[in-house]
Amino acid sequence: MPETPRAEGADTARRALRVLEIVGASSDPVMLDELIRRTGYSKSMVYRLLRVLQDESYIDHAKGGGYLGGSKLFALAASALPNFDTHTAYLPMLQQIASEAGETCTLHRRIGDQAMLILGAESTLHPLRRVLTIGELTPVTRGSSGLAILVSLADDLVDQLLANKPVDDVERVRQEIRQIRQDGFVLSFEANHPGLHGLAAPLPGTEMSVSVSGPGSRWTKQKMLDFAPRFLATLAERTAAIK
């Protein structure tokens, strides 16, 4: 039987996927030399593949050098995540909290130095509400959902995430972490989205957090503080049942 000819461009696609696999599997930036070594491809070929993947937002060039997974890669992964029991088990809890708060409740997971929205429940109580965007990425060092994740991380990992931040940002984040450990929750005000306020808490033993967010005109500081005890109680009760 004659050998089936390869589809045109198949080799290039396989090489691009190999590069994407290496970058996507690493939580730290992967340098160009490392990609060349691990793939065995020439420098010019790896560079061309990186440019295409970067143009399509599947990878990003890290500020300190090297390459990290991009927004499209994480969005693609996020679209599959709800199919896994480890995450869908949290959906009834998110729905309960959204109903109790009257605001959108979301589950976030750390991906490198970003917090990714992987699951959520929108409250139907108000026409104006936080709309879910599965796969959305926000800095893990800014905003309630990201800051709540930091509490569960080892100190050396937090140090790495803060390594290139301005001194003022580092001190702010460290103070936030101390406060979250004391209170059990954190508030944010328009940190990542204009007009949006958030209340979040860590999920102990994971690199995830749960956040309740809504328009600042309605989801005020006082309302978040008033809801926080109920929020924490529901989290503790429902997560204990999941485990």
Protein backbone atom coordinates (compact mmCIF):
# COMPACT_ATOMS: atom_id res chain seq x y z
CA MET A 1 0.00 0.00 0.00
CA PRO A 2 1.49 3.37 -0.96
CA GLU A 3 2.32 5.78 1.85
CA THR A 4 -0.36 8.36 2.43
CA PRO A 5 1.04 11.79 1.52
CA ARG A 6 1.13 14.35 4.32
CA ALA A 7 -1.24 17.25 4.03
CA GLU A 8 0.36 20.44 2.80
CA GLY A 9 1.59 22.47 5.75
CA ALA A 10 1.26 19.55 8.18
CA ASP A 11 4.91 19.69 9.23
CA THR A 12 4.68 23.40 9.95
CA ALA A 13 1.50 22.88 11.99
CA ARG A 14 3.16 20.09 14.00
CA ARG A 15 6.18 22.28 14.71
CA ALA A 16 3.95 25.15 15.82
CA LEU A 17 2.01 22.82 18.12
CA ARG A 18 5.26 21.53 19.61
CA VAL A 19 6.36 25.07 20.43
CA LEU A 20 2.90 25.84 21.86
CA GLU A 21 2.99 22.72 24.04
CA ILE A 22 6.32 23.70 25.57
CA VAL A 23 5.29 27.29 26.26
CA GLY A 24 1.80 26.36 27.48
CA ALA A 25 3.10 23.77 29.94
CA SER A 26 5.41 26.24 31.69
CA SER A 27 4.33 28.72 34.37
CA ASP A 28 7.57 30.66 33.80
CA PRO A 29 8.72 32.39 30.60
CA VAL A 30 10.43 30.01 28.16
CA MET A 31 13.48 31.53 26.50
CA LEU A 32 14.20 31.28 22.79
CA ASP A 33 17.37 29.21 23.35
CA GLU A 34 15.41 26.75 25.47
CA LEU A 35 12.81 26.32 22.72
CA ILE A 36 15.55 25.70 20.15
CA ARG A 37 17.19 23.11 22.41
CA ARG A 38 13.98 21.26 23.23
CA THR A 39 12.52 21.22 19.72
CA GLY A 40 15.72 20.72 17.74
CA TYR A 41 14.50 23.29 15.22
CA SER A 42 16.68 26.04 13.80
CA LYS A 43 16.66 29.49 15.39
CA SER A 44 15.06 31.06 12.33
CA MET A 45 12.30 28.42 12.25
CA VAL A 46 11.49 28.76 15.97
CA TYR A 47 11.44 32.53 15.63
CA ARG A 48 9.02 32.35 12.67
CA LEU A 49 6.72 30.00 14.57
CA LEU A 50 6.80 32.26 17.61
CA ARG A 51 5.89 35.28 15.50
CA VAL A 52 2.83 33.52 14.05
CA LEU A 53 1.67 32.25 17.46
CA GLN A 54 2.23 35.70 18.93
CA ASP A 55 0.31 37.42 16.12
CA GLU A 56 -2.61 35.07 16.81
CA SER A 57 -2.40 35.73 20.61
CA TYR A 58 -1.63 32.09 21.48
CA ILE A 59 1.59 33.19 23.15
CA ASP A 60 2.88 36.48 24.57
CA HIS A 61 6.37 37.89 24.88
CA ALA A 62 7.19 38.28 28.58
CA LYS A 63 8.45 41.65 29.79
CA GLY A 64 11.63 40.17 31.23
CA GLY A 65 12.27 38.03 28.15
CA GLY A 66 11.01 34.68 26.99
CA TYR A 67 7.50 33.56 26.08
CA LEU A 68 4.31 32.73 28.00
CA GLY A 69 0.91 31.40 27.05
CA GLY A 70 -1.34 34.05 25.53
CA SER A 71 -4.99 34.97 25.97
CA LYS A 72 -6.30 32.74 23.17
CA LEU A 73 -4.52 29.71 24.58
CA PHE A 74 -6.05 30.27 28.01
CA ALA A 75 -9.47 31.04 26.55
CA LEU A 76 -9.33 27.78 24.58
CA ALA A 77 -8.36 25.87 27.72
CA ALA A 78 -11.07 27.61 29.72
CA SER A 79 -13.76 26.62 27.24
CA ALA A 80 -12.97 22.98 28.02
CA LEU A 81 -12.56 23.35 31.79
CA PRO A 82 -16.29 23.36 32.63
CA ASN A 83 -16.45 19.81 31.26
CA PHE A 84 -14.28 18.55 34.12
CA ASP A 85 -15.89 17.47 37.39
CA THR A 86 -13.19 19.22 39.44
CA HIS A 87 -14.58 22.56 38.35
CA THR A 88 -18.25 21.87 37.62
CA ALA A 89 -18.59 20.62 41.20
CA TYR A 90 -18.32 24.27 42.25
CA LEU A 91 -21.16 25.47 39.99
CA PRO A 92 -24.04 24.89 42.47
CA MET A 93 -22.09 26.87 45.06
CA LEU A 94 -21.54 29.74 42.62
CA GLN A 95 -25.23 29.71 41.74
CA GLN A 96 -26.23 29.81 45.41
CA ILE A 97 -23.90 32.72 46.17
CA ALA A 98 -25.09 34.62 43.10
CA SER A 99 -28.68 34.15 44.25
CA GLU A 100 -27.89 35.24 47.82
CA ALA A 101 -25.90 38.30 46.74
CA GLY A 102 -27.98 39.27 43.74
CA GLU A 103 -24.70 39.68 41.83
CA THR A 104 -22.48 37.62 39.54
CA CYS A 105 -20.33 34.98 41.24
CA THR A 106 -17.21 33.64 39.53
CA LEU A 107 -14.45 31.06 40.04
CA HIS A 108 -10.88 32.07 39.17
CA ARG A 109 -7.69 30.04 38.80
CA ARG A 110 -4.06 31.14 38.65
CA ILE A 111 -2.35 30.75 35.28
CA GLY A 112 1.19 32.07 35.60
CA ASP A 113 0.90 35.66 36.77
CA GLN A 114 -2.76 35.93 35.72
CA ALA A 115 -6.09 35.03 37.28
CA MET A 116 -8.36 33.30 34.75
CA LEU A 117 -12.14 33.25 35.03
CA ILE A 118 -13.04 29.58 34.52
CA LEU A 119 -16.64 29.26 35.72
CA GLY A 120 -19.44 31.48 36.96
CA ALA A 121 -23.11 32.17 37.60
CA GLU A 122 -24.88 35.40 36.76
CA SER A 123 -27.66 36.68 38.97
CA THR A 124 -30.88 37.33 37.04
CA LEU A 125 -32.11 39.80 39.64
CA HIS A 126 -30.84 42.89 37.79
CA PRO A 127 -30.71 43.66 34.04
CA LEU A 128 -27.44 45.56 34.66
CA ARG A 129 -24.93 43.03 35.98
CA ARG A 130 -21.42 41.65 35.56
CA VAL A 131 -21.48 39.57 32.37
CA LEU A 132 -19.39 36.40 32.35
CA THR A 133 -16.42 36.17 30.01
CA ILE A 134 -14.98 32.67 30.38
CA GLY A 135 -11.23 32.74 29.81
CA GLU A 136 -10.87 36.39 30.84
CA LEU A 137 -7.44 37.13 32.30
CA THR A 138 -6.57 39.76 34.91
CA PRO A 139 -3.31 40.34 36.83
CA VAL A 140 -3.03 38.09 39.87
CA THR A 141 -1.56 41.03 41.81
CA ARG A 142 -4.49 43.38 41.13
CA GLY A 143 -8.19 43.03 41.86
CA SER A 144 -10.04 40.96 44.45
CA SER A 145 -10.03 37.62 42.60
CA GLY A 146 -6.27 37.70 41.97
CA LEU A 147 -5.29 38.94 45.41
CA ALA A 148 -7.39 36.22 47.04
CA ILE A 149 -5.45 33.60 45.08
CA LEU A 150 -2.10 34.96 46.33
CA VAL A 151 -3.01 34.07 49.91
CA SER A 152 -2.82 30.36 49.10
CA LEU A 153 0.57 30.53 47.38
CA ALA A 154 3.95 29.78 48.93
CA ASP A 155 5.97 32.84 49.93
CA ASP A 156 8.71 32.16 47.39
CA LEU A 157 6.17 32.00 44.56
CA VAL A 158 4.62 35.29 45.70
CA ASP A 159 8.14 36.76 45.69
CA GLN A 160 8.59 35.63 42.07
CA LEU A 161 5.27 37.17 41.02
CA LEU A 162 6.25 40.47 42.65
CA ALA A 163 9.88 40.45 41.46
CA ASN A 164 9.46 43.03 38.69
CA LYS A 165 6.81 45.19 40.36
CA PRO A 166 7.44 48.75 41.61
CA VAL A 167 8.23 49.02 45.32
CA ASP A 168 4.89 50.70 46.07
CA ASP A 169 2.98 47.87 44.36
CA VAL A 170 4.95 45.22 46.26
CA GLU A 171 4.16 46.80 49.62
CA ARG A 172 0.48 47.25 48.66
CA VAL A 173 0.15 43.58 47.67
CA ARG A 174 1.91 42.33 50.80
CA GLN A 175 -0.35 44.47 52.96
CA GLU A 176 -3.40 43.12 51.10
CA ILE A 177 -2.23 39.54 51.72
CA ARG A 178 -1.83 40.21 55.44
CA GLN A 179 -5.29 41.77 55.59
CA ILE A 180 -6.94 38.90 53.68
CA ARG A 181 -5.40 36.37 56.08
CA GLN A 182 -6.90 38.34 58.93
CA ASP A 183 -10.35 39.00 57.41
CA GLY A 184 -10.78 35.97 55.14
CA PHE A 185 -11.84 38.15 52.21
CA VAL A 186 -10.79 41.14 50.12
CA LEU A 187 -12.61 44.02 48.41
CA SER A 188 -11.63 45.80 45.22
CA PHE A 189 -12.96 48.91 43.56
CA GLU A 190 -12.65 49.30 39.78
CA ALA A 191 -9.28 47.52 39.92
CA ASN A 192 -9.61 45.82 36.52
CA HIS A 193 -12.94 47.06 35.12
CA PRO A 194 -14.31 50.61 35.32
CA GLY A 195 -17.41 50.81 37.50
CA LEU A 196 -17.07 47.24 38.83
CA HIS A 197 -16.57 46.36 42.49
CA GLY A 198 -15.61 42.93 43.80
CA LEU A 199 -15.61 40.81 46.94
CA ALA A 200 -13.43 37.67 46.86
CA ALA A 201 -12.10 34.91 49.08
CA PRO A 202 -9.52 32.15 48.55
CA LEU A 203 -10.36 28.49 48.21
CA PRO A 204 -7.89 26.94 50.70
CA GLY A 205 -5.64 24.23 49.33
CA THR A 206 -6.07 25.41 45.75
CA GLU A 207 -4.78 28.21 43.54
CA MET A 208 -8.35 29.40 43.05
CA SER A 209 -10.66 32.06 44.41
CA VAL A 210 -14.36 32.88 44.37
CA SER A 211 -15.49 36.42 43.62
CA VAL A 212 -18.79 38.29 43.75
CA SER A 213 -18.85 41.36 41.54
CA GLY A 214 -21.30 43.96 40.34
CA PRO A 215 -21.78 47.61 39.39
CA GLY A 216 -20.26 49.92 41.98
CA SER A 217 -23.43 52.04 42.06
CA ARG A 218 -25.23 49.05 43.57
CA TRP A 219 -22.53 46.69 44.89
CA THR A 220 -21.12 49.26 47.29
CA LYS A 221 -18.43 48.86 49.93
CA GLN A 222 -21.02 48.67 52.68
CA LYS A 223 -23.07 46.04 50.85
CA MET A 224 -19.98 43.93 50.28
CA LEU A 225 -18.98 44.20 53.94
CA ASP A 226 -22.53 43.31 55.04
CA PHE A 227 -22.57 40.26 52.73
CA ALA A 228 -19.05 39.05 53.59
CA PRO A 229 -20.00 36.89 56.65
CA ARG A 230 -22.71 35.09 54.70
CA PHE A 231 -20.36 34.72 51.73
CA LEU A 232 -17.66 33.11 53.87
CA ALA A 233 -20.16 30.83 55.60
CA THR A 234 -21.56 29.58 52.29
CA LEU A 235 -18.05 29.02 50.95
CA ALA A 236 -17.03 27.01 54.00
CA GLU A 237 -20.20 24.90 53.97
CA ARG A 238 -20.27 24.17 50.25
CA THR A 239 -16.54 23.56 49.76
CA ALA A 240 -16.52 21.13 52.70
CA ALA A 241 -19.29 19.19 50.96
CA ILE A 242 -17.34 19.19 47.66
CA LYS A 243 -14.20 17.83 49.31
